[in-house]
N, C-alpha and C. Protein backbone atom coordinates (compact mmCIF):
# COMPACT_ATOMS: atom_id res chain seq x y z
N PRO A 1 -8.88 18.38 1.78
CA PRO A 1 -8.91 19.22 0.62
C PRO A 1 -9.17 18.41 -0.67
N TYR A 2 -9.88 19.01 -1.59
CA TYR A 2 -10.12 18.35 -2.88
C TYR A 2 -10.06 19.41 -3.95
N GLN A 3 -9.81 18.98 -5.17
CA GLN A 3 -9.64 19.93 -6.29
C GLN A 3 -10.90 20.09 -7.12
N TYR A 4 -11.69 19.03 -7.33
CA TYR A 4 -12.82 19.07 -8.23
C TYR A 4 -14.09 18.67 -7.50
N THR A 5 -15.16 19.33 -7.84
CA THR A 5 -16.44 18.99 -7.27
C THR A 5 -17.04 17.82 -8.03
N GLU A 6 -18.11 17.26 -7.51
CA GLU A 6 -18.79 16.17 -8.18
C GLU A 6 -19.28 16.63 -9.58
N ALA A 7 -19.81 17.85 -9.65
CA ALA A 7 -20.31 18.36 -10.93
C ALA A 7 -19.19 18.47 -11.95
N GLN A 8 -18.02 18.97 -11.54
CA GLN A 8 -16.90 19.08 -12.44
C GLN A 8 -16.40 17.72 -12.93
N LEU A 9 -16.33 16.78 -12.00
CA LEU A 9 -15.89 15.44 -12.36
C LEU A 9 -16.92 14.76 -13.28
N SER A 10 -18.18 14.96 -13.00
CA SER A 10 -19.24 14.41 -13.87
C SER A 10 -19.13 14.94 -15.28
N ALA A 11 -18.87 16.24 -15.38
CA ALA A 11 -18.70 16.87 -16.73
C ALA A 11 -17.47 16.27 -17.44
N ALA A 12 -16.41 16.05 -16.69
CA ALA A 12 -15.21 15.46 -17.30
C ALA A 12 -15.50 14.07 -17.80
N VAL A 13 -16.18 13.27 -16.98
CA VAL A 13 -16.50 11.89 -17.36
C VAL A 13 -17.41 11.88 -18.60
N GLN A 14 -18.40 12.76 -18.66
CA GLN A 14 -19.29 12.83 -19.81
C GLN A 14 -18.54 13.28 -21.05
N GLU A 15 -17.67 14.24 -20.94
CA GLU A 15 -16.92 14.75 -22.11
C GLU A 15 -15.92 13.70 -22.58
N ALA A 16 -15.30 12.99 -21.65
CA ALA A 16 -14.40 11.92 -22.03
C ALA A 16 -15.16 10.80 -22.75
N ALA A 17 -16.31 10.44 -22.23
CA ALA A 17 -17.12 9.39 -22.87
C ALA A 17 -17.51 9.81 -24.28
N ARG A 18 -17.78 11.07 -24.48
CA ARG A 18 -18.21 11.57 -25.78
C ARG A 18 -17.17 11.26 -26.86
N VAL A 19 -15.90 11.26 -26.48
CA VAL A 19 -14.83 10.99 -27.44
C VAL A 19 -14.21 9.58 -27.23
N GLY A 20 -14.92 8.73 -26.56
CA GLY A 20 -14.48 7.34 -26.33
C GLY A 20 -13.40 7.14 -25.36
N LYS A 21 -13.27 8.04 -24.39
CA LYS A 21 -12.19 7.97 -23.38
C LYS A 21 -12.82 7.73 -21.99
N HIS A 22 -11.94 7.41 -21.04
CA HIS A 22 -12.35 7.20 -19.65
C HIS A 22 -11.57 8.16 -18.80
N VAL A 23 -12.02 8.30 -17.50
CA VAL A 23 -11.35 9.17 -16.56
C VAL A 23 -10.85 8.33 -15.41
N ALA A 24 -9.58 8.49 -15.09
CA ALA A 24 -8.96 7.95 -13.86
C ALA A 24 -8.59 9.13 -13.00
N VAL A 25 -8.75 8.99 -11.70
CA VAL A 25 -8.37 10.08 -10.80
C VAL A 25 -7.38 9.62 -9.80
N HIS A 26 -6.50 10.54 -9.40
CA HIS A 26 -5.61 10.32 -8.28
C HIS A 26 -6.35 10.96 -7.08
N ALA A 27 -6.76 10.17 -6.14
CA ALA A 27 -7.50 10.70 -5.01
C ALA A 27 -7.19 9.84 -3.78
N THR A 28 -7.00 10.50 -2.67
CA THR A 28 -6.59 9.74 -1.47
C THR A 28 -7.65 9.63 -0.41
N GLY A 29 -8.56 10.55 -0.32
CA GLY A 29 -9.55 10.48 0.76
C GLY A 29 -10.84 11.19 0.42
N GLU A 30 -11.62 11.41 1.44
CA GLU A 30 -12.96 12.00 1.29
C GLU A 30 -12.87 13.53 1.45
N PRO A 31 -13.71 14.26 0.75
CA PRO A 31 -14.83 13.81 -0.13
C PRO A 31 -14.45 13.58 -1.54
N GLY A 32 -13.17 13.79 -1.91
CA GLY A 32 -12.76 13.67 -3.31
C GLY A 32 -13.06 12.30 -3.91
N THR A 33 -12.81 11.23 -3.15
CA THR A 33 -13.04 9.90 -3.70
C THR A 33 -14.56 9.65 -3.88
N LEU A 34 -15.36 10.19 -3.01
CA LEU A 34 -16.80 10.04 -3.16
C LEU A 34 -17.25 10.79 -4.44
N TYR A 35 -16.79 11.99 -4.62
CA TYR A 35 -17.13 12.75 -5.84
C TYR A 35 -16.77 12.01 -7.08
N ALA A 36 -15.59 11.37 -7.04
CA ALA A 36 -15.08 10.63 -8.21
C ALA A 36 -15.99 9.40 -8.47
N ALA A 37 -16.37 8.70 -7.39
CA ALA A 37 -17.21 7.52 -7.56
C ALA A 37 -18.61 7.93 -8.08
N LEU A 38 -19.16 8.98 -7.53
CA LEU A 38 -20.45 9.46 -8.00
C LEU A 38 -20.44 9.85 -9.47
N ALA A 39 -19.30 10.41 -9.89
CA ALA A 39 -19.17 10.84 -11.27
C ALA A 39 -18.95 9.66 -12.23
N GLY A 40 -18.53 8.49 -11.70
CA GLY A 40 -18.38 7.32 -12.56
C GLY A 40 -17.04 7.21 -13.24
N VAL A 41 -15.98 7.57 -12.53
CA VAL A 41 -14.64 7.39 -13.05
C VAL A 41 -14.36 5.89 -13.22
N VAL A 42 -13.30 5.55 -13.94
CA VAL A 42 -12.92 4.14 -14.13
C VAL A 42 -12.04 3.65 -12.98
N THR A 43 -11.10 4.50 -12.55
CA THR A 43 -10.26 4.08 -11.44
C THR A 43 -10.09 5.26 -10.46
N ILE A 44 -9.89 4.86 -9.19
CA ILE A 44 -9.47 5.79 -8.15
C ILE A 44 -8.09 5.31 -7.78
N ASP A 45 -7.06 6.06 -8.14
CA ASP A 45 -5.69 5.67 -7.84
C ASP A 45 -5.29 6.25 -6.49
N HIS A 46 -4.69 5.42 -5.68
CA HIS A 46 -4.28 5.63 -4.28
C HIS A 46 -5.41 5.15 -3.35
N GLY A 47 -6.50 5.91 -3.22
CA GLY A 47 -7.63 5.49 -2.43
C GLY A 47 -7.21 5.17 -1.00
N ASN A 48 -6.44 6.00 -0.39
CA ASN A 48 -5.96 5.72 0.99
C ASN A 48 -7.09 5.51 1.99
N GLN A 49 -8.19 6.24 1.77
CA GLN A 49 -9.33 6.13 2.74
C GLN A 49 -10.57 6.35 1.91
N LEU A 50 -11.51 5.42 2.05
CA LEU A 50 -12.82 5.48 1.35
C LEU A 50 -13.91 5.34 2.43
N SER A 51 -14.92 6.17 2.32
CA SER A 51 -16.07 6.04 3.22
C SER A 51 -16.85 4.80 2.88
N GLU A 52 -17.76 4.40 3.74
CA GLU A 52 -18.64 3.27 3.46
C GLU A 52 -19.45 3.51 2.19
N GLU A 53 -19.92 4.75 2.01
CA GLU A 53 -20.67 5.08 0.81
C GLU A 53 -19.79 4.96 -0.46
N THR A 54 -18.61 5.42 -0.38
CA THR A 54 -17.68 5.35 -1.54
C THR A 54 -17.38 3.92 -1.82
N MET A 55 -17.15 3.11 -0.81
CA MET A 55 -16.89 1.65 -1.04
C MET A 55 -18.08 1.01 -1.70
N ARG A 56 -19.30 1.36 -1.24
CA ARG A 56 -20.50 0.79 -1.84
C ARG A 56 -20.60 1.14 -3.33
N LEU A 57 -20.35 2.42 -3.63
CA LEU A 57 -20.40 2.86 -5.03
C LEU A 57 -19.36 2.20 -5.91
N THR A 58 -18.13 2.07 -5.39
CA THR A 58 -17.09 1.43 -6.23
C THR A 58 -17.48 -0.04 -6.52
N ARG A 59 -18.06 -0.67 -5.54
CA ARG A 59 -18.51 -2.07 -5.71
C ARG A 59 -19.61 -2.12 -6.75
N GLU A 60 -20.64 -1.29 -6.55
CA GLU A 60 -21.80 -1.33 -7.44
C GLU A 60 -21.48 -0.91 -8.87
N LYS A 61 -20.69 0.11 -9.00
CA LYS A 61 -20.33 0.63 -10.34
C LYS A 61 -19.10 -0.03 -10.96
N GLN A 62 -18.50 -0.94 -10.21
CA GLN A 62 -17.26 -1.61 -10.65
C GLN A 62 -16.18 -0.57 -11.00
N ILE A 63 -15.98 0.36 -10.10
CA ILE A 63 -14.89 1.35 -10.19
C ILE A 63 -13.70 0.73 -9.46
N PHE A 64 -12.58 0.66 -10.14
CA PHE A 64 -11.40 -0.03 -9.59
C PHE A 64 -10.54 0.93 -8.76
N VAL A 65 -10.16 0.49 -7.58
CA VAL A 65 -9.21 1.22 -6.74
C VAL A 65 -7.83 0.63 -7.02
N VAL A 66 -6.87 1.52 -7.22
CA VAL A 66 -5.50 1.13 -7.49
C VAL A 66 -4.66 1.62 -6.34
N PRO A 67 -4.29 0.74 -5.36
CA PRO A 67 -3.72 1.25 -4.12
C PRO A 67 -2.30 1.83 -4.19
N THR A 68 -1.51 1.51 -5.19
CA THR A 68 -0.19 2.08 -5.39
C THR A 68 0.68 2.11 -4.13
N PHE A 69 0.78 0.99 -3.43
CA PHE A 69 1.59 0.94 -2.22
C PHE A 69 3.05 1.24 -2.44
N THR A 70 3.57 0.83 -3.62
CA THR A 70 5.00 0.92 -3.84
C THR A 70 5.52 2.38 -3.74
N ILE A 71 4.74 3.31 -4.25
CA ILE A 71 5.19 4.75 -4.23
C ILE A 71 5.19 5.23 -2.79
N PHE A 72 4.21 4.84 -2.00
CA PHE A 72 4.15 5.24 -0.60
C PHE A 72 5.36 4.68 0.17
N GLU A 73 5.67 3.39 -0.08
CA GLU A 73 6.80 2.76 0.56
C GLU A 73 8.11 3.46 0.12
N TYR A 74 8.21 3.77 -1.15
CA TYR A 74 9.43 4.41 -1.65
C TYR A 74 9.68 5.76 -0.97
N PHE A 75 8.62 6.58 -0.91
CA PHE A 75 8.78 7.90 -0.30
C PHE A 75 9.09 7.79 1.20
N ALA A 76 8.46 6.80 1.86
CA ALA A 76 8.75 6.61 3.28
C ALA A 76 10.18 6.18 3.53
N ASP A 77 10.66 5.31 2.62
CA ASP A 77 12.05 4.81 2.78
C ASP A 77 13.12 5.81 2.34
N HIS A 78 12.69 6.80 1.56
CA HIS A 78 13.66 7.80 1.02
C HIS A 78 13.30 9.22 1.48
N ALA A 79 12.75 9.32 2.65
CA ALA A 79 12.35 10.63 3.20
C ALA A 79 13.57 11.48 3.49
N GLY A 80 13.31 12.79 3.55
CA GLY A 80 14.39 13.70 3.81
C GLY A 80 14.92 13.79 5.23
N SER A 81 14.13 13.27 6.17
CA SER A 81 14.53 13.32 7.56
C SER A 81 13.92 12.13 8.31
N PRO A 82 14.48 11.74 9.43
CA PRO A 82 13.89 10.65 10.23
C PRO A 82 12.42 10.92 10.61
N GLY A 83 12.14 12.15 10.96
CA GLY A 83 10.75 12.49 11.33
C GLY A 83 9.79 12.34 10.21
N GLN A 84 10.22 12.77 9.03
CA GLN A 84 9.37 12.64 7.84
C GLN A 84 9.22 11.18 7.47
N SER A 85 10.26 10.40 7.65
CA SER A 85 10.18 8.95 7.38
C SER A 85 9.16 8.27 8.30
N THR A 86 9.22 8.63 9.56
CA THR A 86 8.26 8.08 10.55
C THR A 86 6.83 8.42 10.14
N ARG A 87 6.59 9.70 9.81
CA ARG A 87 5.24 10.13 9.43
C ARG A 87 4.77 9.38 8.18
N LEU A 88 5.63 9.25 7.18
CA LEU A 88 5.23 8.57 5.95
C LEU A 88 5.01 7.09 6.12
N HIS A 89 5.80 6.46 7.00
CA HIS A 89 5.54 5.04 7.32
C HIS A 89 4.20 4.88 8.07
N GLU A 90 3.85 5.85 8.93
CA GLU A 90 2.51 5.80 9.60
C GLU A 90 1.42 5.97 8.56
N GLU A 91 1.61 6.82 7.54
CA GLU A 91 0.62 6.97 6.50
C GLU A 91 0.48 5.67 5.70
N LEU A 92 1.59 4.99 5.41
CA LEU A 92 1.57 3.72 4.70
C LEU A 92 0.80 2.68 5.53
N ASN A 93 1.07 2.62 6.83
CA ASN A 93 0.37 1.67 7.69
C ASN A 93 -1.12 1.96 7.73
N PHE A 94 -1.48 3.26 7.75
CA PHE A 94 -2.92 3.61 7.70
C PHE A 94 -3.53 3.14 6.37
N HIS A 95 -2.83 3.39 5.29
CA HIS A 95 -3.31 3.00 3.97
C HIS A 95 -3.53 1.47 3.95
N ALA A 96 -2.61 0.70 4.54
CA ALA A 96 -2.72 -0.76 4.59
C ALA A 96 -3.94 -1.18 5.37
N THR A 97 -4.19 -0.52 6.52
CA THR A 97 -5.35 -0.84 7.31
C THR A 97 -6.64 -0.56 6.54
N GLU A 98 -6.68 0.58 5.87
CA GLU A 98 -7.85 0.93 5.08
C GLU A 98 -8.03 -0.05 3.90
N PHE A 99 -6.96 -0.47 3.31
CA PHE A 99 -6.96 -1.45 2.21
C PHE A 99 -7.68 -2.73 2.66
N ARG A 100 -7.38 -3.22 3.85
CA ARG A 100 -8.02 -4.42 4.39
C ARG A 100 -9.54 -4.18 4.52
N LYS A 101 -9.93 -2.97 4.94
CA LYS A 101 -11.39 -2.67 5.02
C LYS A 101 -12.01 -2.70 3.65
N GLN A 102 -11.27 -2.16 2.65
CA GLN A 102 -11.79 -2.12 1.31
C GLN A 102 -11.95 -3.50 0.70
N LEU A 103 -10.97 -4.38 0.98
CA LEU A 103 -11.07 -5.76 0.53
C LEU A 103 -12.29 -6.44 1.16
N ALA A 104 -12.48 -6.25 2.45
CA ALA A 104 -13.57 -6.87 3.16
C ALA A 104 -14.90 -6.35 2.62
N ALA A 105 -14.93 -5.11 2.13
CA ALA A 105 -16.18 -4.51 1.64
C ALA A 105 -16.41 -4.88 0.13
N GLY A 106 -15.46 -5.63 -0.46
CA GLY A 106 -15.64 -6.05 -1.84
C GLY A 106 -15.32 -4.97 -2.90
N VAL A 107 -14.47 -4.00 -2.51
CA VAL A 107 -14.07 -2.98 -3.45
C VAL A 107 -13.22 -3.63 -4.57
N PRO A 108 -13.55 -3.41 -5.84
CA PRO A 108 -12.73 -3.95 -6.92
C PRO A 108 -11.34 -3.32 -6.95
N MET A 109 -10.30 -4.13 -7.14
CA MET A 109 -8.94 -3.64 -7.13
C MET A 109 -8.28 -3.89 -8.45
N ALA A 110 -7.39 -2.99 -8.84
CA ALA A 110 -6.51 -3.15 -9.97
C ALA A 110 -5.09 -2.85 -9.53
N VAL A 111 -4.12 -3.21 -10.31
CA VAL A 111 -2.70 -3.03 -9.94
C VAL A 111 -2.10 -1.87 -10.71
N GLY A 112 -1.36 -1.05 -9.99
CA GLY A 112 -0.61 0.05 -10.53
C GLY A 112 0.37 0.51 -9.46
N SER A 113 1.54 0.91 -9.87
CA SER A 113 2.58 1.21 -8.88
C SER A 113 2.85 2.72 -8.73
N ASP A 114 2.42 3.51 -9.73
CA ASP A 114 2.74 4.95 -9.76
C ASP A 114 4.23 5.13 -10.00
N VAL A 115 4.80 4.19 -10.79
CA VAL A 115 6.24 4.23 -11.06
C VAL A 115 6.65 5.55 -11.71
N GLY A 116 7.83 5.97 -11.49
CA GLY A 116 8.35 7.23 -11.99
C GLY A 116 9.30 7.83 -11.01
N PRO A 117 8.83 8.19 -9.84
CA PRO A 117 9.77 8.67 -8.81
C PRO A 117 10.74 7.56 -8.37
N PHE A 118 10.30 6.29 -8.45
CA PHE A 118 11.19 5.21 -8.17
C PHE A 118 11.50 4.49 -9.51
N PRO A 119 12.53 3.65 -9.54
CA PRO A 119 13.04 3.14 -10.80
C PRO A 119 12.06 2.22 -11.58
N HIS A 120 11.93 2.48 -12.87
CA HIS A 120 11.19 1.57 -13.74
C HIS A 120 11.82 0.21 -13.67
N GLY A 121 10.99 -0.82 -13.82
CA GLY A 121 11.52 -2.16 -13.72
C GLY A 121 11.40 -2.79 -12.37
N THR A 122 10.99 -1.97 -11.40
CA THR A 122 10.86 -2.50 -9.99
C THR A 122 9.38 -2.54 -9.55
N GLN A 123 8.46 -2.40 -10.52
CA GLN A 123 7.05 -2.33 -10.16
C GLN A 123 6.49 -3.65 -9.59
N GLY A 124 7.23 -4.73 -9.77
CA GLY A 124 6.78 -6.03 -9.25
C GLY A 124 6.64 -5.98 -7.72
N ARG A 125 7.23 -5.02 -7.10
CA ARG A 125 7.10 -4.81 -5.64
C ARG A 125 5.62 -4.62 -5.28
N GLU A 126 4.82 -4.05 -6.17
CA GLU A 126 3.42 -3.79 -5.85
C GLU A 126 2.69 -5.04 -5.51
N PHE A 127 2.95 -6.17 -6.21
CA PHE A 127 2.29 -7.43 -5.91
C PHE A 127 2.68 -7.89 -4.47
N VAL A 128 3.94 -7.76 -4.15
CA VAL A 128 4.42 -8.17 -2.80
C VAL A 128 3.67 -7.39 -1.73
N LEU A 129 3.51 -6.09 -1.94
CA LEU A 129 2.86 -5.25 -0.93
C LEU A 129 1.36 -5.51 -0.87
N MET A 130 0.71 -5.73 -1.99
CA MET A 130 -0.71 -6.06 -1.96
C MET A 130 -0.98 -7.32 -1.22
N VAL A 131 -0.11 -8.32 -1.40
CA VAL A 131 -0.27 -9.57 -0.66
C VAL A 131 0.06 -9.34 0.83
N LYS A 132 1.17 -8.61 1.08
CA LYS A 132 1.53 -8.33 2.50
C LYS A 132 0.38 -7.65 3.24
N TYR A 133 -0.35 -6.80 2.56
CA TYR A 133 -1.39 -6.03 3.25
C TYR A 133 -2.77 -6.64 3.16
N GLY A 134 -2.88 -7.89 2.64
CA GLY A 134 -4.16 -8.54 2.80
C GLY A 134 -4.75 -9.29 1.63
N MET A 135 -4.19 -9.13 0.44
CA MET A 135 -4.71 -9.87 -0.72
C MET A 135 -4.10 -11.24 -0.80
N THR A 136 -4.81 -12.18 -1.33
CA THR A 136 -4.23 -13.48 -1.66
C THR A 136 -3.43 -13.31 -2.93
N PRO A 137 -2.42 -14.15 -3.17
CA PRO A 137 -1.66 -14.08 -4.41
C PRO A 137 -2.54 -14.17 -5.66
N ILE A 138 -3.52 -15.07 -5.64
CA ILE A 138 -4.37 -15.25 -6.83
C ILE A 138 -5.21 -13.95 -7.04
N ALA A 139 -5.67 -13.35 -5.97
CA ALA A 139 -6.46 -12.12 -6.11
C ALA A 139 -5.59 -10.99 -6.67
N ALA A 140 -4.30 -10.92 -6.23
CA ALA A 140 -3.42 -9.88 -6.75
C ALA A 140 -3.15 -10.09 -8.21
N LEU A 141 -2.95 -11.33 -8.67
CA LEU A 141 -2.77 -11.60 -10.05
C LEU A 141 -4.03 -11.25 -10.86
N GLN A 142 -5.20 -11.56 -10.36
CA GLN A 142 -6.43 -11.24 -11.03
C GLN A 142 -6.66 -9.70 -11.10
N ALA A 143 -6.24 -9.01 -10.03
CA ALA A 143 -6.34 -7.58 -10.04
C ALA A 143 -5.48 -6.98 -11.15
N ASP A 144 -4.36 -7.61 -11.42
CA ASP A 144 -3.49 -7.13 -12.49
C ASP A 144 -4.02 -7.57 -13.87
N LEU A 145 -4.06 -8.86 -14.04
CA LEU A 145 -4.34 -9.39 -15.40
C LEU A 145 -5.77 -9.18 -15.86
N LEU A 146 -6.73 -9.55 -15.03
CA LEU A 146 -8.15 -9.48 -15.45
C LEU A 146 -8.69 -8.06 -15.27
N ASN A 147 -8.46 -7.50 -14.10
CA ASN A 147 -9.00 -6.15 -13.85
C ASN A 147 -8.24 -5.09 -14.63
N GLY A 148 -6.92 -5.33 -14.82
CA GLY A 148 -6.17 -4.40 -15.66
C GLY A 148 -6.70 -4.34 -17.07
N ALA A 149 -7.08 -5.50 -17.61
CA ALA A 149 -7.66 -5.51 -18.97
C ALA A 149 -9.00 -4.77 -18.98
N LYS A 150 -9.80 -4.92 -17.92
CA LYS A 150 -11.08 -4.18 -17.86
C LYS A 150 -10.83 -2.69 -17.77
N VAL A 151 -9.89 -2.25 -16.91
CA VAL A 151 -9.57 -0.84 -16.77
C VAL A 151 -9.20 -0.25 -18.09
N LEU A 152 -8.41 -0.95 -18.86
CA LEU A 152 -7.91 -0.43 -20.15
C LEU A 152 -8.98 -0.54 -21.27
N GLY A 153 -10.07 -1.25 -20.98
CA GLY A 153 -11.06 -1.50 -22.04
C GLY A 153 -10.57 -2.52 -23.03
N TRP A 154 -9.67 -3.43 -22.59
CA TRP A 154 -9.07 -4.41 -23.47
C TRP A 154 -9.45 -5.87 -23.11
N SER A 155 -10.56 -6.04 -22.39
CA SER A 155 -11.03 -7.38 -22.12
C SER A 155 -11.28 -8.06 -23.46
N GLY A 156 -10.91 -9.33 -23.53
CA GLY A 156 -11.04 -10.04 -24.80
C GLY A 156 -9.83 -9.88 -25.68
N GLN A 157 -8.83 -9.09 -25.24
CA GLN A 157 -7.58 -8.95 -26.02
C GLN A 157 -6.36 -9.29 -25.21
N ILE A 158 -6.37 -8.95 -23.90
CA ILE A 158 -5.25 -9.25 -22.99
C ILE A 158 -5.80 -9.86 -21.70
N GLY A 159 -4.93 -10.43 -20.93
CA GLY A 159 -5.33 -10.92 -19.61
C GLY A 159 -5.55 -12.41 -19.57
N ALA A 160 -5.40 -13.10 -20.70
CA ALA A 160 -5.59 -14.52 -20.74
C ALA A 160 -4.72 -15.12 -21.82
N LEU A 161 -4.43 -16.39 -21.70
CA LEU A 161 -3.73 -17.16 -22.75
C LEU A 161 -4.79 -17.88 -23.55
N LYS A 162 -5.27 -17.22 -24.59
CA LYS A 162 -6.35 -17.78 -25.42
C LYS A 162 -6.10 -17.43 -26.89
N PRO A 163 -6.61 -18.25 -27.78
CA PRO A 163 -6.54 -17.90 -29.21
C PRO A 163 -7.20 -16.54 -29.43
N GLY A 164 -6.57 -15.69 -30.22
CA GLY A 164 -7.15 -14.39 -30.55
C GLY A 164 -6.67 -13.30 -29.62
N TYR A 165 -6.09 -13.64 -28.49
CA TYR A 165 -5.59 -12.63 -27.58
C TYR A 165 -4.16 -12.28 -28.00
N PHE A 166 -3.70 -11.09 -27.58
CA PHE A 166 -2.30 -10.72 -27.80
C PHE A 166 -1.46 -11.75 -27.06
N ALA A 167 -0.35 -12.15 -27.63
CA ALA A 167 0.54 -13.11 -26.99
C ALA A 167 1.54 -12.33 -26.13
N ASP A 168 1.03 -11.74 -25.07
CA ASP A 168 1.88 -10.99 -24.14
C ASP A 168 2.07 -11.88 -22.89
N ILE A 169 3.29 -12.43 -22.75
CA ILE A 169 3.51 -13.43 -21.72
C ILE A 169 4.82 -13.17 -21.00
N ILE A 170 4.85 -13.40 -19.70
CA ILE A 170 6.10 -13.38 -18.95
C ILE A 170 6.27 -14.74 -18.30
N ALA A 171 7.49 -15.06 -17.92
CA ALA A 171 7.78 -16.25 -17.13
C ALA A 171 8.69 -15.84 -15.96
N VAL A 172 8.45 -16.45 -14.83
CA VAL A 172 9.25 -16.17 -13.64
C VAL A 172 9.74 -17.48 -13.05
N PRO A 173 10.82 -17.44 -12.27
CA PRO A 173 11.45 -18.65 -11.76
C PRO A 173 10.75 -19.20 -10.48
N GLY A 174 9.52 -19.55 -10.61
CA GLY A 174 8.78 -20.08 -9.45
C GLY A 174 7.31 -19.88 -9.61
N ASP A 175 6.57 -20.31 -8.60
CA ASP A 175 5.13 -20.20 -8.62
C ASP A 175 4.66 -18.99 -7.81
N PRO A 176 4.11 -17.97 -8.45
CA PRO A 176 3.71 -16.77 -7.74
C PRO A 176 2.55 -17.03 -6.74
N LEU A 177 1.85 -18.16 -6.90
CA LEU A 177 0.83 -18.45 -5.93
C LEU A 177 1.41 -18.95 -4.60
N GLN A 178 2.67 -19.44 -4.69
CA GLN A 178 3.37 -19.83 -3.46
C GLN A 178 4.28 -18.73 -2.93
N ASP A 179 4.85 -17.94 -3.85
CA ASP A 179 5.75 -16.83 -3.46
C ASP A 179 5.59 -15.71 -4.47
N ILE A 180 4.76 -14.74 -4.12
CA ILE A 180 4.42 -13.65 -5.04
C ILE A 180 5.63 -12.84 -5.45
N SER A 181 6.72 -12.90 -4.62
CA SER A 181 7.89 -12.08 -4.93
C SER A 181 8.63 -12.52 -6.19
N VAL A 182 8.33 -13.72 -6.70
CA VAL A 182 9.01 -14.17 -7.92
C VAL A 182 8.59 -13.27 -9.09
N LEU A 183 7.52 -12.51 -8.99
CA LEU A 183 7.13 -11.59 -10.05
C LEU A 183 8.11 -10.44 -10.17
N GLN A 184 9.04 -10.32 -9.25
CA GLN A 184 10.09 -9.33 -9.35
C GLN A 184 11.29 -9.85 -10.11
N LYS A 185 11.25 -11.08 -10.55
CA LYS A 185 12.36 -11.73 -11.25
C LYS A 185 11.90 -12.25 -12.59
N VAL A 186 11.53 -11.37 -13.47
CA VAL A 186 11.02 -11.77 -14.81
C VAL A 186 12.19 -12.28 -15.65
N ALA A 187 12.03 -13.56 -16.07
CA ALA A 187 13.12 -14.18 -16.84
C ALA A 187 12.81 -14.29 -18.34
N PHE A 188 11.55 -14.14 -18.70
CA PHE A 188 11.14 -14.28 -20.11
C PHE A 188 10.02 -13.31 -20.39
N VAL A 189 10.13 -12.63 -21.54
CA VAL A 189 9.09 -11.68 -21.94
C VAL A 189 8.75 -11.90 -23.44
N MET A 190 7.48 -12.09 -23.69
CA MET A 190 6.98 -12.17 -25.06
C MET A 190 5.92 -11.09 -25.19
N LYS A 191 5.99 -10.27 -26.25
CA LYS A 191 5.01 -9.21 -26.51
C LYS A 191 4.50 -9.38 -27.92
N GLY A 192 3.19 -9.61 -28.04
CA GLY A 192 2.61 -9.78 -29.38
C GLY A 192 3.23 -10.93 -30.13
N GLY A 193 3.64 -11.99 -29.41
CA GLY A 193 4.20 -13.17 -30.04
C GLY A 193 5.70 -13.07 -30.34
N VAL A 194 6.32 -11.93 -30.04
CA VAL A 194 7.73 -11.75 -30.28
C VAL A 194 8.47 -11.83 -28.92
N VAL A 195 9.48 -12.68 -28.84
CA VAL A 195 10.24 -12.83 -27.62
C VAL A 195 11.26 -11.71 -27.53
N TYR A 196 11.20 -10.96 -26.40
CA TYR A 196 12.12 -9.85 -26.17
C TYR A 196 13.18 -10.21 -25.09
N ARG A 197 12.90 -11.13 -24.25
CA ARG A 197 13.83 -11.58 -23.23
C ARG A 197 13.64 -13.04 -23.00
N HIS A 198 14.76 -13.80 -22.98
CA HIS A 198 14.69 -15.23 -22.68
C HIS A 198 15.95 -15.70 -22.05
């Protein structure tokens, strides 16, 4: 099932562009993800399953897929019954398998957790899951810092430690390239040059 046709999504993308905005969609499978890619959205959030054509389009148009594993894991771990938990864990495993196909196909990735149903402040789990399911730690960091800046239209302002960029910096107790889970233990936060946690 899908909610919007390609024509409707294209109209939304065009109208958003007219006022300087972008369109992100929550879409899990086909044909909705294909319609979104054809329309030229900026991100496809979730993207549990993408056809070869959709993967080609995301790569060519640089449409970022945001896998949001954390929300799938949370719902599977907090299901209302054992049967529902089993089904949701199977869906998560399917999503992970498809994610590996997407990585192999060169689909651009960005980081997002879909936080809200699970506690704010725990989104660092998304990095752990992206690495668990096939990304290298450096690729996961790039998906967050570099691709996140592109998704937001803020390249040249965030995503790097350079003169002229916002001084938004975190520090963690270890090397995330060796252990990505240290991103769940933020010890220092600077935003716009102001230290908020140290």
